[in-house]
Amino acid sequence: MQSKLIFWVLTAVFGLFILFLYGPMIAIFILSFQGPTGGMTFPLRGVSLHWFADLFASSRYGDLGGAFTRSMILGLLAMIITVTVSFFAGLGFRRKFRGSGVLFYLAIISLVMPGVLTGLGIGTLFTTLGLQTNWLLSGLGAHLTWTLPFGLLIMFAVLNRFNGSWEEAARDAGATRKQVLSQVTLPILFPGLIAVALFGLTLSYDEFPRSLLTVGTKNTLPLQVASLTANVTTPALYAIGTLTTALSLAVIVVAFAAIALTGRKR
């Protein structure tokens, strides 16, 4: 009897935790479909796609399309660079070398640095060099200080469980280094690389503090949304959240599909 009571209490606590975690997100999804006369709170006054269309038809939201495009470009570039650097750095760190410990800590130290201070440092560096901050240069560099350490940590964890005997077997069978890398190492590490890619894309896409002082005069999407909260009081803000969340879920679905397809080939 007591064990059943504990079970139901723990179930209720877990249910409340899930509600606390996802309740606000679900409320935003629902309210984004408010009717044309609806507000930012319940109850719903009709159901429509009015506020989604208003995002692209109205000029009161500023350069929302441009901000979204810039965030996507930054996210994709950060993803490509993070995956490439993390993969080869992970392979390089498989063997101990002089200074490897210092290099590792230098690579991940930006994780403990406040994002605003990192952005301030990069902005100050560009100003000192007489350069103008730009979303594609200083902005990308600021985002990489956030995405690269996570990518490295993921690759180190993946390679820690990697069995090098598979590569030795391929070399014994006559495979060249290039063949071992492309046909053995890369396919086995592919799920880990997908994880690195997801982290690189999402962390860059929604990065705010490191973008604040480094992107120059053209906002990324998080900065644009933050500026809208000061003067826009319509469900259009919820529509932005719904669209960006749907995009994130689509990326995750594509990533899992790629992992499943690679698993079948393996």
C-alpha atoms as a PDB file:
ATOM      1  CA  MET A   1       0.000   0.000   0.000  1.00  0.00           C
ATOM      2  CA  GLN A   2       2.767   2.403   0.916  1.00  0.00           C
ATOM      3  CA  SER A   3       4.728   1.593  -2.258  1.00  0.00           C
ATOM      4  CA  LYS A   4       1.655   2.354  -4.384  1.00  0.00           C
ATOM      5  CA  LEU A   5       1.204   5.676  -2.599  1.00  0.00           C
ATOM      6  CA  ILE A   6       4.848   6.595  -3.241  1.00  0.00           C
ATOM      7  CA  PHE A   7       4.435   5.590  -6.892  1.00  0.00           C
ATOM      8  CA  TRP A   8       1.400   7.845  -7.400  1.00  0.00           C
ATOM      9  CA  VAL A   9       3.040  10.733  -5.555  1.00  0.00           C
ATOM     10  CA  LEU A  10       6.137  10.475  -7.739  1.00  0.00           C
ATOM     11  CA  THR A  11       3.944  10.216 -10.847  1.00  0.00           C
ATOM     12  CA  ALA A  12       2.069  13.378  -9.843  1.00  0.00           C
ATOM     13  CA  VAL A  13       5.327  15.235  -9.198  1.00  0.00           C
ATOM     14  CA  PHE A  14       6.677  14.149 -12.567  1.00  0.00           C
ATOM     15  CA  GLY A  15       3.438  15.206 -14.273  1.00  0.00           C
ATOM     16  CA  LEU A  16       3.631  18.643 -12.647  1.00  0.00           C
ATOM     17  CA  PHE A  17       7.254  18.956 -13.739  1.00  0.00           C
ATOM     18  CA  ILE A  18       6.322  18.128 -17.363  1.00  0.00           C
ATOM     19  CA  LEU A  19       3.468  20.637 -17.197  1.00  0.00           C
ATOM     20  CA  PHE A  20       5.806  23.288 -15.787  1.00  0.00           C
ATOM     21  CA  LEU A  21       8.374  22.527 -18.493  1.00  0.00           C
ATOM     22  CA  TYR A  22       6.130  22.375 -21.548  1.00  0.00           C
ATOM     23  CA  GLY A  23       3.025  24.245 -20.416  1.00  0.00           C
ATOM     24  CA  PRO A  24       4.235  27.731 -21.452  1.00  0.00           C
ATOM     25  CA  MET A  25       5.372  26.401 -24.833  1.00  0.00           C
ATOM     26  CA  ILE A  26       2.024  24.731 -25.474  1.00  0.00           C
ATOM     27  CA  ALA A  27       0.197  27.928 -24.466  1.00  0.00           C
ATOM     28  CA  ILE A  28       2.291  29.920 -26.960  1.00  0.00           C
ATOM     29  CA  PHE A  29       1.504  27.414 -29.717  1.00  0.00           C
ATOM     30  CA  ILE A  30      -2.224  27.678 -29.043  1.00  0.00           C
ATOM     31  CA  LEU A  31      -2.298  31.476 -28.726  1.00  0.00           C
ATOM     32  CA  SER A  32      -0.377  31.915 -31.992  1.00  0.00           C
ATOM     33  CA  PHE A  33      -3.544  30.727 -33.773  1.00  0.00           C
ATOM     34  CA  GLN A  34      -5.692  33.525 -32.305  1.00  0.00           C
ATOM     35  CA  GLY A  35      -8.277  35.114 -34.533  1.00  0.00           C
ATOM     36  CA  PRO A  36      -7.721  38.610 -36.024  1.00  0.00           C
ATOM     37  CA  THR A  37      -9.326  40.258 -32.982  1.00  0.00           C
ATOM     38  CA  GLY A  38      -7.581  38.042 -30.444  1.00  0.00           C
ATOM     39  CA  GLY A  39      -5.068  39.177 -27.853  1.00  0.00           C
ATOM     40  CA  MET A  40      -2.059  37.691 -26.124  1.00  0.00           C
ATOM     41  CA  THR A  41      -4.066  35.901 -23.429  1.00  0.00           C
ATOM     42  CA  PHE A  42      -6.838  33.338 -23.259  1.00  0.00           C
ATOM     43  CA  PRO A  43      -9.598  32.847 -24.241  1.00  0.00           C
ATOM     44  CA  LEU A  44      -9.187  32.312 -27.977  1.00  0.00           C
ATOM     45  CA  ARG A  45     -11.236  34.627 -30.160  1.00  0.00           C
ATOM     46  CA  GLY A  46     -11.500  32.408 -33.163  1.00  0.00           C
ATOM     47  CA  VAL A  47      -8.867  30.246 -34.824  1.00  0.00           C
ATOM     48  CA  SER A  48      -6.898  31.464 -37.832  1.00  0.00           C
ATOM     49  CA  LEU A  49      -3.470  31.873 -39.418  1.00  0.00           C
ATOM     50  CA  HIS A  50      -3.861  35.653 -39.375  1.00  0.00           C
ATOM     51  CA  TRP A  51      -0.795  36.397 -37.237  1.00  0.00           C
ATOM     52  CA  PHE A  52       1.453  34.124 -39.265  1.00  0.00           C
ATOM     53  CA  ALA A  53       0.473  35.965 -42.431  1.00  0.00           C
ATOM     54  CA  ASP A  54       0.822  39.305 -40.634  1.00  0.00           C
ATOM     55  CA  LEU A  55       4.489  38.561 -39.909  1.00  0.00           C
ATOM     56  CA  PHE A  56       5.316  38.659 -43.611  1.00  0.00           C
ATOM     57  CA  ALA A  57       2.686  41.125 -44.809  1.00  0.00           C
ATOM     58  CA  SER A  58       3.145  43.916 -42.253  1.00  0.00           C
ATOM     59  CA  SER A  59       6.121  46.277 -42.049  1.00  0.00           C
ATOM     60  CA  ARG A  60       5.730  47.000 -38.325  1.00  0.00           C
ATOM     61  CA  TYR A  61       7.934  44.049 -37.383  1.00  0.00           C
ATOM     62  CA  GLY A  62      11.025  45.479 -39.061  1.00  0.00           C
ATOM     63  CA  ASP A  63      13.406  43.356 -41.078  1.00  0.00           C
ATOM     64  CA  LEU A  64      12.137  40.064 -39.694  1.00  0.00           C
ATOM     65  CA  GLY A  65      12.831  38.115 -42.868  1.00  0.00           C
ATOM     66  CA  GLY A  66      16.370  39.479 -43.092  1.00  0.00           C
ATOM     67  CA  ALA A  67      17.017  38.679 -39.426  1.00  0.00           C
ATOM     68  CA  PHE A  68      15.798  35.122 -39.951  1.00  0.00           C
ATOM     69  CA  THR A  69      18.020  34.730 -43.026  1.00  0.00           C
ATOM     70  CA  ARG A  70      21.073  36.019 -41.173  1.00  0.00           C
ATOM     71  CA  SER A  71      20.443  33.677 -38.243  1.00  0.00           C
ATOM     72  CA  MET A  72      20.089  30.713 -40.588  1.00  0.00           C
ATOM     73  CA  ILE A  73      23.299  31.575 -42.463  1.00  0.00           C
ATOM     74  CA  LEU A  74      25.192  32.017 -39.199  1.00  0.00           C
ATOM     75  CA  GLY A  75      23.766  28.762 -37.855  1.00  0.00           C
ATOM     76  CA  LEU A  76      24.715  26.781 -40.960  1.00  0.00           C
ATOM     77  CA  LEU A  77      28.234  28.239 -41.094  1.00  0.00           C
ATOM     78  CA  ALA A  78      28.753  27.621 -37.383  1.00  0.00           C
ATOM     79  CA  MET A  79      27.461  24.072 -37.845  1.00  0.00           C
ATOM     80  CA  ILE A  80      29.826  23.290 -40.739  1.00  0.00           C
ATOM     81  CA  ILE A  81      32.860  24.771 -38.999  1.00  0.00           C
ATOM     82  CA  THR A  82      32.019  23.138 -35.669  1.00  0.00           C
ATOM     83  CA  VAL A  83      31.531  19.690 -37.198  1.00  0.00           C
ATOM     84  CA  THR A  84      34.744  19.917 -39.246  1.00  0.00           C
ATOM     85  CA  VAL A  85      36.956  21.260 -36.456  1.00  0.00           C
ATOM     86  CA  SER A  86      35.478  18.953 -33.804  1.00  0.00           C
ATOM     87  CA  PHE A  87      35.938  15.874 -35.982  1.00  0.00           C
ATOM     88  CA  PHE A  88      39.589  16.463 -36.798  1.00  0.00           C
ATOM     89  CA  ALA A  89      40.380  17.797 -33.322  1.00  0.00           C
ATOM     90  CA  GLY A  90      38.822  14.680 -31.833  1.00  0.00           C
ATOM     91  CA  LEU A  91      40.988  12.503 -34.047  1.00  0.00           C
ATOM     92  CA  GLY A  92      44.046  14.544 -33.106  1.00  0.00           C
ATOM     93  CA  PHE A  93      43.384  14.234 -29.371  1.00  0.00           C
ATOM     94  CA  ARG A  94      43.151  10.444 -29.554  1.00  0.00           C
ATOM     95  CA  ARG A  95      46.872  10.403 -28.875  1.00  0.00           C
ATOM     96  CA  LYS A  96      48.540  12.355 -26.121  1.00  0.00           C
ATOM     97  CA  PHE A  97      50.938  15.078 -27.205  1.00  0.00           C
ATOM     98  CA  ARG A  98      52.857  17.809 -25.450  1.00  0.00           C
ATOM     99  CA  GLY A  99      50.549  20.632 -24.437  1.00  0.00           C
ATOM    100  CA  SER A 100      47.347  18.697 -25.157  1.00  0.00           C
ATOM    101  CA  GLY A 101      45.918  19.440 -21.706  1.00  0.00           C
ATOM    102  CA  VAL A 102      46.557  23.179 -21.968  1.00  0.00           C
ATOM    103  CA  LEU A 103      45.136  23.250 -25.489  1.00  0.00           C
ATOM    104  CA  PHE A 104      42.014  21.403 -24.358  1.00  0.00           C
ATOM    105  CA  TYR A 105      41.305  23.840 -21.518  1.00  0.00           C
ATOM    106  CA  LEU A 106      41.949  26.814 -23.785  1.00  0.00           C
ATOM    107  CA  ALA A 107      39.421  25.395 -26.231  1.00  0.00           C
ATOM    108  CA  ILE A 108      36.607  25.020 -23.683  1.00  0.00           C
ATOM    109  CA  ILE A 109      37.330  27.977 -21.398  1.00  0.00           C
ATOM    110  CA  SER A 110      34.798  30.122 -23.244  1.00  0.00           C
ATOM    111  CA  LEU A 111      32.032  27.910 -21.828  1.00  0.00           C
ATOM    112  CA  VAL A 112      32.509  29.462 -18.396  1.00  0.00           C
ATOM    113  CA  MET A 113      32.854  33.002 -19.725  1.00  0.00           C
ATOM    114  CA  PRO A 114      29.667  35.117 -19.632  1.00  0.00           C
ATOM    115  CA  GLY A 115      28.414  35.550 -23.179  1.00  0.00           C
ATOM    116  CA  VAL A 116      28.117  39.332 -22.860  1.00  0.00           C
ATOM    117  CA  LEU A 117      31.765  39.609 -21.794  1.00  0.00           C
ATOM    118  CA  THR A 118      32.861  37.411 -24.695  1.00  0.00           C
ATOM    119  CA  GLY A 119      30.912  39.582 -27.115  1.00  0.00           C
ATOM    120  CA  LEU A 120      32.312  42.734 -25.505  1.00  0.00           C
ATOM    121  CA  GLY A 121      35.851  41.417 -25.908  1.00  0.00           C
ATOM    122  CA  ILE A 122      35.357  40.578 -29.582  1.00  0.00           C
ATOM    123  CA  GLY A 123      33.699  43.931 -30.243  1.00  0.00           C
ATOM    124  CA  THR A 124      36.532  45.762 -28.495  1.00  0.00           C
ATOM    125  CA  LEU A 125      39.107  43.793 -30.496  1.00  0.00           C
ATOM    126  CA  PHE A 126      37.485  44.774 -33.795  1.00  0.00           C
ATOM    127  CA  THR A 127      37.294  48.417 -32.718  1.00  0.00           C
ATOM    128  CA  THR A 128      40.953  48.404 -31.670  1.00  0.00           C
ATOM    129  CA  LEU A 129      41.956  46.972 -35.050  1.00  0.00           C
ATOM    130  CA  GLY A 130      39.911  49.631 -36.817  1.00  0.00           C
ATOM    131  CA  LEU A 131      37.382  47.124 -38.141  1.00  0.00           C
ATOM    132  CA  GLN A 132      33.619  47.382 -38.073  1.00  0.00           C
ATOM    133  CA  THR A 133      31.658  44.632 -36.359  1.00  0.00           C
ATOM    134  CA  ASN A 134      29.684  42.579 -38.817  1.00  0.00           C
ATOM    135  CA  TRP A 135      27.233  39.700 -38.371  1.00  0.00           C
ATOM    136  CA  LEU A 136      29.162  37.504 -40.814  1.00  0.00           C
ATOM    137  CA  LEU A 137      32.646  38.105 -39.346  1.00  0.00           C
ATOM    138  CA  SER A 138      32.664  39.139 -35.707  1.00  0.00           C
ATOM    139  CA  GLY A 139      29.212  37.620 -35.224  1.00  0.00           C
ATOM    140  CA  LEU A 140      30.320  34.252 -36.557  1.00  0.00           C
ATOM    141  CA  GLY A 141      33.486  34.352 -34.444  1.00  0.00           C
ATOM    142  CA  ALA A 142      31.428  35.083 -31.331  1.00  0.00           C
ATOM    143  CA  HIS A 143      29.083  32.183 -32.059  1.00  0.00           C
ATOM    144  CA  LEU A 144      31.994  29.792 -32.585  1.00  0.00           C
ATOM    145  CA  THR A 145      33.259  30.553 -29.080  1.00  0.00           C
ATOM    146  CA  TRP A 146      30.008  28.935 -27.923  1.00  0.00           C
ATOM    147  CA  THR A 147      29.461  26.121 -30.435  1.00  0.00           C
ATOM    148  CA  LEU A 148      33.019  24.790 -30.792  1.00  0.00           C
ATOM    149  CA  PRO A 149      33.566  23.833 -27.123  1.00  0.00           C
ATOM    150  CA  PHE A 150      30.310  21.857 -27.100  1.00  0.00           C
ATOM    151  CA  GLY A 151      31.259  20.153 -30.346  1.00  0.00           C
ATOM    152  CA  LEU A 152      34.664  19.203 -28.952  1.00  0.00           C
ATOM    153  CA  LEU A 153      33.210  17.768 -25.751  1.00  0.00           C
ATOM    154  CA  ILE A 154      30.700  15.669 -27.707  1.00  0.00           C
ATOM    155  CA  MET A 155      33.378  14.312 -30.045  1.00  0.00           C
ATOM    156  CA  PHE A 156      35.698  13.489 -27.150  1.00  0.00           C
ATOM    157  CA  ALA A 157      32.874  11.550 -25.483  1.00  0.00           C
ATOM    158  CA  VAL A 158      32.064   9.691 -28.710  1.00  0.00           C
ATOM    159  CA  LEU A 159      35.696   8.847 -29.458  1.00  0.00           C
ATOM    160  CA  ASN A 160      36.197   7.660 -25.888  1.00  0.00           C
ATOM    161  CA  ARG A 161      33.979   4.684 -26.769  1.00  0.00           C
ATOM    162  CA  PHE A 162      35.433   4.210 -30.244  1.00  0.00           C
ATOM    163  CA  ASN A 163      37.085   0.820 -30.830  1.00  0.00           C
ATOM    164  CA  GLY A 164      40.321   1.365 -32.747  1.00  0.00           C
ATOM    165  CA  SER A 165      40.518  -2.334 -33.640  1.00  0.00           C
ATOM    166  CA  TRP A 166      38.044  -1.684 -36.470  1.00  0.00           C
ATOM    167  CA  GLU A 167      40.521   0.662 -38.104  1.00  0.00           C
ATOM    168  CA  GLU A 168      43.355  -1.821 -37.533  1.00  0.00           C
ATOM    169  CA  ALA A 169      41.315  -4.557 -39.190  1.00  0.00           C
ATOM    170  CA  ALA A 170      40.698  -2.321 -42.209  1.00  0.00           C
ATOM    171  CA  ARG A 171      44.402  -1.501 -42.506  1.00  0.00           C
ATOM    172  CA  ASP A 172      45.292  -5.196 -42.213  1.00  0.00           C
ATOM    173  CA  ALA A 173      42.868  -5.838 -45.077  1.00  0.00           C
ATOM    174  CA  GLY A 174      44.839  -3.425 -47.255  1.00  0.00           C
ATOM    175  CA  ALA A 175      42.815  -0.220 -46.864  1.00  0.00           C
ATOM    176  CA  THR A 176      44.627   3.067 -47.255  1.00  0.00           C
ATOM    177  CA  ARG A 177      44.398   5.854 -44.650  1.00  0.00           C
ATOM    178  CA  LYS A 178      41.863   7.678 -46.793  1.00  0.00           C
ATOM    179  CA  GLN A 179      39.732   4.546 -47.152  1.00  0.00           C
ATOM    180  CA  VAL A 180      39.888   3.857 -43.415  1.00  0.00           C
ATOM    181  CA  LEU A 181      38.787   7.413 -42.677  1.00  0.00           C
ATOM    182  CA  SER A 182      35.959   7.520 -45.236  1.00  0.00           C
ATOM    183  CA  GLN A 183      34.679   3.937 -45.023  1.00  0.00           C
ATOM    184  CA  VAL A 184      35.297   2.974 -41.388  1.00  0.00           C
ATOM    185  CA  THR A 185      35.901   5.909 -39.053  1.00  0.00           C
ATOM    186  CA  LEU A 186      33.447   8.400 -40.545  1.00  0.00           C
ATOM    187  CA  PRO A 187      30.423   6.057 -40.822  1.00  0.00           C
ATOM    188  CA  ILE A 188      30.886   4.822 -37.254  1.00  0.00           C
ATOM    189  CA  LEU A 189      31.200   8.365 -35.883  1.00  0.00           C
ATOM    190  CA  PHE A 190      28.344   9.706 -38.009  1.00  0.00           C
ATOM    191  CA  PRO A 191      25.691   9.744 -35.219  1.00  0.00           C
ATOM    192  CA  GLY A 192      28.094  11.730 -33.038  1.00  0.00           C
ATOM    193  CA  LEU A 193      28.714  14.162 -35.886  1.00  0.00           C
ATOM    194  CA  ILE A 194      24.954  14.622 -36.263  1.00  0.00           C
ATOM    195  CA  ALA A 195      24.789  15.506 -32.567  1.00  0.00           C
ATOM    196  CA  VAL A 196      27.593  18.037 -33.037  1.00  0.00           C
ATOM    197  CA  ALA A 197      25.789  19.494 -36.051  1.00  0.00           C
ATOM    198  CA  LEU A 198      22.540  19.879 -34.089  1.00  0.00           C
ATOM    199  CA  PHE A 199      24.331  21.624 -31.257  1.00  0.00           C
ATOM    200  CA  GLY A 200      26.213  23.898 -33.653  1.00  0.00           C
ATOM    201  CA  LEU A 201      23.089  24.934 -35.541  1.00  0.00           C
ATOM    202  CA  THR A 202      20.727  25.434 -32.607  1.00  0.00           C
ATOM    203  CA  LEU A 203      23.226  27.123 -30.285  1.00  0.00           C
ATOM    204  CA  SER A 204      24.158  29.628 -32.990  1.00  0.00           C
ATOM    205  CA  TYR A 205      20.583  30.120 -34.219  1.00  0.00           C
ATOM    206  CA  ASP A 206      19.233  31.285 -30.854  1.00  0.00           C
ATOM    207  CA  GLU A 207      22.373  32.921 -29.431  1.00  0.00           C
ATOM    208  CA  PHE A 208      21.597  36.323 -27.878  1.00  0.00           C
ATOM    209  CA  PRO A 209      24.325  37.615 -25.478  1.00  0.00           C
ATOM    210  CA  ARG A 210      27.263  36.906 -27.805  1.00  0.00           C
ATOM    211  CA  SER A 211      25.385  38.526 -30.701  1.00  0.00           C
ATOM    212  CA  LEU A 212      24.431  41.678 -28.842  1.00  0.00           C
ATOM    213  CA  LEU A 213      27.742  43.522 -29.335  1.00  0.00           C
ATOM    214  CA  THR A 214      29.175  41.699 -32.344  1.00  0.00           C
ATOM    215  CA  VAL A 215      26.656  41.647 -35.205  1.00  0.00           C
ATOM    216  CA  GLY A 216      26.846  45.357 -35.993  1.00  0.00           C
ATOM    217  CA  THR A 217      23.833  47.223 -37.338  1.00  0.00           C
ATOM    218  CA  LYS A 218      21.941  44.220 -38.717  1.00  0.00           C
ATOM    219  CA  ASN A 219      20.137  42.103 -36.158  1.00  0.00           C
ATOM    220  CA  THR A 220      19.908  38.358 -35.972  1.00  0.00           C
ATOM    221  CA  LEU A 221      16.523  36.808 -35.200  1.00  0.00           C
ATOM    222  CA  PRO A 222      16.934  36.650 -31.372  1.00  0.00           C
ATOM    223  CA  LEU A 223      17.921  40.335 -31.290  1.00  0.00           C
ATOM    224  CA  GLN A 224      15.043  41.249 -33.586  1.00  0.00           C
ATOM    225  CA  VAL A 225      12.539  39.357 -31.453  1.00  0.00           C
ATOM    226  CA  ALA A 226      13.924  40.986 -28.288  1.00  0.00           C
ATOM    227  CA  SER A 227      13.447  44.432 -29.831  1.00  0.00           C
ATOM    228  CA  LEU A 228       9.887  43.538 -30.845  1.00  0.00           C
ATOM    229  CA  THR A 229       8.897  42.693 -27.284  1.00  0.00           C
ATOM    230  CA  ALA A 230       9.233  46.371 -26.389  1.00  0.00           C
ATOM    231  CA  ASN A 231       6.666  47.662 -28.903  1.00  0.00           C
ATOM    232  CA  VAL A 232       4.672  44.715 -30.298  1.00  0.00           C
ATOM    233  CA  THR A 233       1.834  43.388 -28.160  1.00  0.00           C
ATOM    234  CA  THR A 234       0.073  41.035 -30.559  1.00  0.00           C
ATOM    235  CA  PRO A 235       0.026  37.234 -30.989  1.00  0.00           C
ATOM    236  CA  ALA A 236       2.524  37.757 -33.819  1.00  0.00           C
ATOM    237  CA  LEU A 237       5.244  37.225 -31.195  1.00  0.00           C
ATOM    238  CA  TYR A 238       3.753  33.822 -30.466  1.00  0.00           C
ATOM    239  CA  ALA A 239       3.641  33.088 -34.188  1.00  0.00           C
ATOM    240  CA  ILE A 240       7.410  33.722 -34.369  1.00  0.00           C
ATOM    241  CA  GLY A 241       7.954  31.281 -31.510  1.00  0.00           C
ATOM    242  CA  THR A 242       5.792  28.640 -33.172  1.00  0.00           C
ATOM    243  CA  LEU A 243       7.609  28.967 -36.496  1.00  0.00           C
ATOM    244  CA  THR A 244      11.083  28.780 -34.969  1.00  0.00           C
ATOM    245  CA  THR A 245      10.106  25.793 -32.818  1.00  0.00           C
ATOM    246  CA  ALA A 246       8.632  24.022 -35.842  1.00  0.00           C
ATOM    247  CA  LEU A 247      11.891  24.667 -37.705  1.00  0.00           C
ATOM    248  CA  SER A 248      13.916  23.213 -34.824  1.00  0.00           C
ATOM    249  CA  LEU A 249      11.719  20.111 -34.704  1.00  0.00           C
ATOM    250  CA  ALA A 250      12.081  19.688 -38.473  1.00  0.00           C
ATOM    251  CA  VAL A 251      15.866  19.801 -38.145  1.00  0.00           C
ATOM    252  CA  ILE A 252      15.742  17.174 -35.388  1.00  0.00           C
ATOM    253  CA  VAL A 253      13.517  14.898 -37.502  1.00  0.00           C
ATOM    254  CA  VAL A 254      15.910  15.198 -40.457  1.00  0.00           C
ATOM    255  CA  ALA A 255      18.855  14.433 -38.170  1.00  0.00           C
ATOM    256  CA  PHE A 256      17.227  11.290 -36.758  1.00  0.00           C
ATOM    257  CA  ALA A 257      16.255  10.188 -40.269  1.00  0.00           C
ATOM    258  CA  ALA A 258      19.881  10.583 -41.376  1.00  0.00           C
ATOM    259  CA  ILE A 259      21.073   8.541 -38.378  1.00  0.00           C
ATOM    260  CA  ALA A 260      18.540   5.783 -39.113  1.00  0.00           C
ATOM    261  CA  LEU A 261      19.523   5.694 -42.798  1.00  0.00           C
ATOM    262  CA  THR A 262      23.208   5.480 -41.919  1.00  0.00           C
ATOM    263  CA  GLY A 263      22.480   2.743 -39.387  1.00  0.00           C
ATOM    264  CA  ARG A 264      20.822   0.638 -42.068  1.00  0.00           C
ATOM    265  CA  LYS A 265      23.769   1.103 -44.406  1.00  0.00           C
ATOM    266  CA  ARG A 266      26.180   0.102 -41.654  1.00  0.00           C
END
